[in-house]
Amino acid sequence: MCKNKYTEAKLKKYGDELVKWMKVKDNVWLKDFAIEKGFPASYFARFRKKSEYFKEAHQKAKDIQESKLVKGVLDKKYSASFVKFILKNEAGWKDRIEETIKEEVPSIQFVLAEKKAEPDDKERKKDNKKKEQINIFDGEK
């Protein structure tokens, strides 16, 4: 692709023509426009990056296309399953809307303190006797 071939003026013209072309009753597939104009459909992405005007026009054309496809299914002109496939790939449609709510949930931490084992009754009595003995020798009782 020659860099100077697609000037801002040329892309503005393509944008206007694209929206006008898409409004014609039987024009549904955007790639057909590219074919008619003699450039690969992959150039749409390049044009969108190069020109804000073309980007907006291309989005309008995509919206028209989406609307035509949905109406075509409702009128039983197009296969619902095929249009569903197209819209999933071209328009970002999904089978269901998943709403994700991200909340910060405080973490709960449990701290287990090491508990000293209580001496059983025999050990307690032993300890008390030792204290008494010590106290007797110290002169305290």
C-alpha atoms as a PDB file:
ATOM      1  CA  MET A   1       0.000   0.000   0.000  1.00  0.00           C
ATOM      2  CA  CYS A   2       1.381   3.351  -0.976  1.00  0.00           C
ATOM      3  CA  LYS A   3       1.408   5.591   2.096  1.00  0.00           C
ATOM      4  CA  ASN A   4       0.386   8.770   0.254  1.00  0.00           C
ATOM      5  CA  LYS A   5      -2.401   7.103  -1.718  1.00  0.00           C
ATOM      6  CA  TYR A   6      -4.889   7.246   1.176  1.00  0.00           C
ATOM      7  CA  THR A   7      -4.863  10.869   2.284  1.00  0.00           C
ATOM      8  CA  GLU A   8      -7.207  12.355   4.862  1.00  0.00           C
ATOM      9  CA  ALA A   9      -9.347  13.802   2.035  1.00  0.00           C
ATOM     10  CA  LYS A  10      -9.544  10.387   0.335  1.00  0.00           C
ATOM     11  CA  LEU A  11     -10.471   8.663   3.595  1.00  0.00           C
ATOM     12  CA  LYS A  12     -13.145  11.284   4.305  1.00  0.00           C
ATOM     13  CA  LYS A  13     -14.591  10.595   0.858  1.00  0.00           C
ATOM     14  CA  TYR A  14     -14.484   6.813   1.482  1.00  0.00           C
ATOM     15  CA  GLY A  15     -16.193   7.317   4.835  1.00  0.00           C
ATOM     16  CA  ASP A  16     -19.045   9.295   3.272  1.00  0.00           C
ATOM     17  CA  GLU A  17     -19.370   6.780   0.433  1.00  0.00           C
ATOM     18  CA  LEU A  18     -19.334   3.844   2.829  1.00  0.00           C
ATOM     19  CA  VAL A  19     -22.232   5.162   4.920  1.00  0.00           C
ATOM     20  CA  LYS A  20     -24.179   6.081   1.779  1.00  0.00           C
ATOM     21  CA  TRP A  21     -23.420   2.650   0.239  1.00  0.00           C
ATOM     22  CA  MET A  22     -24.510   0.845   3.395  1.00  0.00           C
ATOM     23  CA  LYS A  23     -27.882   2.615   3.333  1.00  0.00           C
ATOM     24  CA  VAL A  24     -28.703   1.070  -0.061  1.00  0.00           C
ATOM     25  CA  LYS A  25     -31.275  -1.664   0.508  1.00  0.00           C
ATOM     26  CA  ASP A  26     -29.365  -4.700  -0.818  1.00  0.00           C
ATOM     27  CA  ASN A  27     -25.928  -3.704   0.477  1.00  0.00           C
ATOM     28  CA  VAL A  28     -25.284  -5.645   3.677  1.00  0.00           C
ATOM     29  CA  TRP A  29     -21.724  -6.902   3.758  1.00  0.00           C
ATOM     30  CA  LEU A  30     -19.026  -4.257   4.337  1.00  0.00           C
ATOM     31  CA  LYS A  31     -16.356  -6.289   2.570  1.00  0.00           C
ATOM     32  CA  ASP A  32     -18.303  -5.856  -0.659  1.00  0.00           C
ATOM     33  CA  PHE A  33     -17.689  -2.114  -0.446  1.00  0.00           C
ATOM     34  CA  ALA A  34     -13.922  -2.707  -0.190  1.00  0.00           C
ATOM     35  CA  ILE A  35     -14.040  -5.093  -3.126  1.00  0.00           C
ATOM     36  CA  GLU A  36     -15.946  -2.567  -5.235  1.00  0.00           C
ATOM     37  CA  LYS A  37     -13.435   0.161  -4.352  1.00  0.00           C
ATOM     38  CA  GLY A  38     -10.494  -2.092  -5.133  1.00  0.00           C
ATOM     39  CA  PHE A  39      -8.779  -2.439  -1.771  1.00  0.00           C
ATOM     40  CA  PRO A  40      -8.626  -5.330   0.720  1.00  0.00           C
ATOM     41  CA  ALA A  41     -11.174  -5.240   3.530  1.00  0.00           C
ATOM     42  CA  SER A  42      -8.261  -5.451   5.978  1.00  0.00           C
ATOM     43  CA  TYR A  43      -7.483  -1.824   5.046  1.00  0.00           C
ATOM     44  CA  PHE A  44     -10.541  -0.730   7.049  1.00  0.00           C
ATOM     45  CA  ALA A  45      -8.453  -1.118  10.219  1.00  0.00           C
ATOM     46  CA  ARG A  46      -5.625   0.979   8.740  1.00  0.00           C
ATOM     47  CA  PHE A  47      -8.069   3.671   7.614  1.00  0.00           C
ATOM     48  CA  ARG A  48      -9.641   3.781  11.089  1.00  0.00           C
ATOM     49  CA  LYS A  49      -6.225   4.385  12.657  1.00  0.00           C
ATOM     50  CA  LYS A  50      -5.292   7.054  10.152  1.00  0.00           C
ATOM     51  CA  SER A  51      -8.548   9.037  10.118  1.00  0.00           C
ATOM     52  CA  GLU A  52     -10.919   9.787  12.974  1.00  0.00           C
ATOM     53  CA  TYR A  53     -13.529  10.809  10.400  1.00  0.00           C
ATOM     54  CA  PHE A  54     -13.316   7.444   8.632  1.00  0.00           C
ATOM     55  CA  LYS A  55     -13.386   5.650  11.981  1.00  0.00           C
ATOM     56  CA  GLU A  56     -16.706   7.293  12.849  1.00  0.00           C
ATOM     57  CA  ALA A  57     -18.150   6.640   9.382  1.00  0.00           C
ATOM     58  CA  HIS A  58     -17.047   2.997   9.504  1.00  0.00           C
ATOM     59  CA  GLN A  59     -18.734   2.590  12.894  1.00  0.00           C
ATOM     60  CA  LYS A  60     -21.968   4.062  11.492  1.00  0.00           C
ATOM     61  CA  ALA A  61     -21.781   1.620   8.591  1.00  0.00           C
ATOM     62  CA  LYS A  62     -21.264  -1.284  11.018  1.00  0.00           C
ATOM     63  CA  ASP A  63     -24.289  -0.150  13.035  1.00  0.00           C
ATOM     64  CA  ILE A  64     -26.384  -0.025   9.859  1.00  0.00           C
ATOM     65  CA  GLN A  65     -25.120  -3.488   8.929  1.00  0.00           C
ATOM     66  CA  GLU A  66     -26.041  -4.877  12.347  1.00  0.00           C
ATOM     67  CA  SER A  67     -29.504  -3.369  12.129  1.00  0.00           C
ATOM     68  CA  LYS A  68     -30.047  -4.789   8.613  1.00  0.00           C
ATOM     69  CA  LEU A  69     -28.985  -8.249   9.714  1.00  0.00           C
ATOM     70  CA  VAL A  70     -31.326  -8.270  12.713  1.00  0.00           C
ATOM     71  CA  LYS A  71     -34.239  -6.973  10.633  1.00  0.00           C
ATOM     72  CA  GLY A  72     -33.436  -9.584   7.987  1.00  0.00           C
ATOM     73  CA  VAL A  73     -33.786 -12.348  10.568  1.00  0.00           C
ATOM     74  CA  LEU A  74     -37.058 -10.908  11.860  1.00  0.00           C
ATOM     75  CA  ASP A  75     -38.371 -10.763   8.288  1.00  0.00           C
ATOM     76  CA  LYS A  76     -37.120 -14.347   7.775  1.00  0.00           C
ATOM     77  CA  LYS A  77     -34.882 -13.138   4.969  1.00  0.00           C
ATOM     78  CA  TYR A  78     -31.722 -14.470   6.643  1.00  0.00           C
ATOM     79  CA  SER A  79     -30.925 -17.553   8.694  1.00  0.00           C
ATOM     80  CA  ALA A  80     -31.025 -16.719  12.400  1.00  0.00           C
ATOM     81  CA  SER A  81     -28.173 -19.070  13.253  1.00  0.00           C
ATOM     82  CA  PHE A  82     -25.938 -17.634  10.533  1.00  0.00           C
ATOM     83  CA  VAL A  83     -26.672 -14.035  11.527  1.00  0.00           C
ATOM     84  CA  LYS A  84     -26.002 -14.970  15.141  1.00  0.00           C
ATOM     85  CA  PHE A  85     -22.619 -16.334  14.051  1.00  0.00           C
ATOM     86  CA  ILE A  86     -21.842 -13.142  12.105  1.00  0.00           C
ATOM     87  CA  LEU A  87     -22.864 -10.829  14.936  1.00  0.00           C
ATOM     88  CA  LYS A  88     -20.804 -12.764  17.467  1.00  0.00           C
ATOM     89  CA  ASN A  89     -17.743 -12.388  15.270  1.00  0.00           C
ATOM     90  CA  GLU A  90     -18.292  -8.965  13.744  1.00  0.00           C
ATOM     91  CA  ALA A  91     -20.303  -7.044  16.329  1.00  0.00           C
ATOM     92  CA  GLY A  92     -19.126  -8.612  19.573  1.00  0.00           C
ATOM     93  CA  TRP A  93     -22.467 -10.172  20.459  1.00  0.00           C
ATOM     94  CA  LYS A  94     -22.595 -12.882  23.150  1.00  0.00           C
ATOM     95  CA  ASP A  95     -25.171 -15.473  24.087  1.00  0.00           C
ATOM     96  CA  ARG A  96     -25.689 -13.803  27.422  1.00  0.00           C
ATOM     97  CA  ILE A  97     -24.561 -10.737  29.209  1.00  0.00           C
ATOM     98  CA  GLU A  98     -22.301 -11.447  32.126  1.00  0.00           C
ATOM     99  CA  GLU A  99     -22.076  -8.657  34.579  1.00  0.00           C
ATOM    100  CA  THR A 100     -19.061  -8.805  36.757  1.00  0.00           C
ATOM    101  CA  ILE A 101     -19.023  -6.922  39.986  1.00  0.00           C
ATOM    102  CA  LYS A 102     -15.643  -6.581  41.535  1.00  0.00           C
ATOM    103  CA  GLU A 103     -15.756  -5.750  45.189  1.00  0.00           C
ATOM    104  CA  GLU A 104     -12.930  -5.724  47.573  1.00  0.00           C
ATOM    105  CA  VAL A 105     -13.838  -8.295  50.172  1.00  0.00           C
ATOM    106  CA  PRO A 106     -11.862  -7.929  53.368  1.00  0.00           C
ATOM    107  CA  SER A 107      -9.890 -10.991  54.183  1.00  0.00           C
ATOM    108  CA  ILE A 108     -10.537 -12.674  57.479  1.00  0.00           C
ATOM    109  CA  GLN A 109      -7.548 -14.064  59.258  1.00  0.00           C
ATOM    110  CA  PHE A 110      -7.685 -16.408  62.187  1.00  0.00           C
ATOM    111  CA  VAL A 111      -4.811 -16.396  64.612  1.00  0.00           C
ATOM    112  CA  LEU A 112      -4.543 -19.457  66.767  1.00  0.00           C
ATOM    113  CA  ALA A 113      -2.798 -18.736  70.018  1.00  0.00           C
ATOM    114  CA  GLU A 114      -0.784 -21.497  71.541  1.00  0.00           C
ATOM    115  CA  LYS A 115      -2.544 -22.465  74.713  1.00  0.00           C
ATOM    116  CA  LYS A 116      -0.509 -23.813  77.587  1.00  0.00           C
ATOM    117  CA  ALA A 117      -1.750 -27.149  78.699  1.00  0.00           C
ATOM    118  CA  GLU A 118      -3.443 -27.064  82.069  1.00  0.00           C
ATOM    119  CA  PRO A 119      -1.825 -29.500  84.441  1.00  0.00           C
ATOM    120  CA  ASP A 120      -4.086 -32.305  85.495  1.00  0.00           C
ATOM    121  CA  ASP A 121      -5.189 -32.534  89.152  1.00  0.00           C
ATOM    122  CA  LYS A 122      -2.282 -34.783  90.228  1.00  0.00           C
ATOM    123  CA  GLU A 123       0.312 -32.380  88.773  1.00  0.00           C
ATOM    124  CA  ARG A 124      -1.453 -29.396  90.312  1.00  0.00           C
ATOM    125  CA  LYS A 125      -1.414 -30.985  93.760  1.00  0.00           C
ATOM    126  CA  LYS A 126       2.258 -31.850  93.287  1.00  0.00           C
ATOM    127  CA  ASP A 127       3.053 -28.257  92.326  1.00  0.00           C
ATOM    128  CA  ASN A 128       1.127 -26.965  95.356  1.00  0.00           C
ATOM    129  CA  LYS A 129       3.028 -29.307  97.729  1.00  0.00           C
ATOM    130  CA  LYS A 130       6.342 -28.110  96.259  1.00  0.00           C
ATOM    131  CA  LYS A 131       5.276 -24.518  96.833  1.00  0.00           C
ATOM    132  CA  GLU A 132       4.280 -25.329 100.383  1.00  0.00           C
ATOM    133  CA  GLN A 133       7.601 -27.042 100.992  1.00  0.00           C
ATOM    134  CA  ILE A 134       9.503 -24.122  99.552  1.00  0.00           C
ATOM    135  CA  ASN A 135       7.453 -21.713 101.589  1.00  0.00           C
ATOM    136  CA  ILE A 136       8.062 -23.686 104.787  1.00  0.00           C
ATOM    137  CA  PHE A 137      11.813 -23.492 104.339  1.00  0.00           C
ATOM    138  CA  ASP A 138      11.665 -19.796 103.497  1.00  0.00           C
ATOM    139  CA  GLY A 139       9.750 -19.184 106.634  1.00  0.00           C
ATOM    140  CA  GLU A 140       6.585 -18.285 104.862  1.00  0.00           C
ATOM    141  CA  LYS A 141       3.397 -20.151 105.207  1.00  0.00           C
END
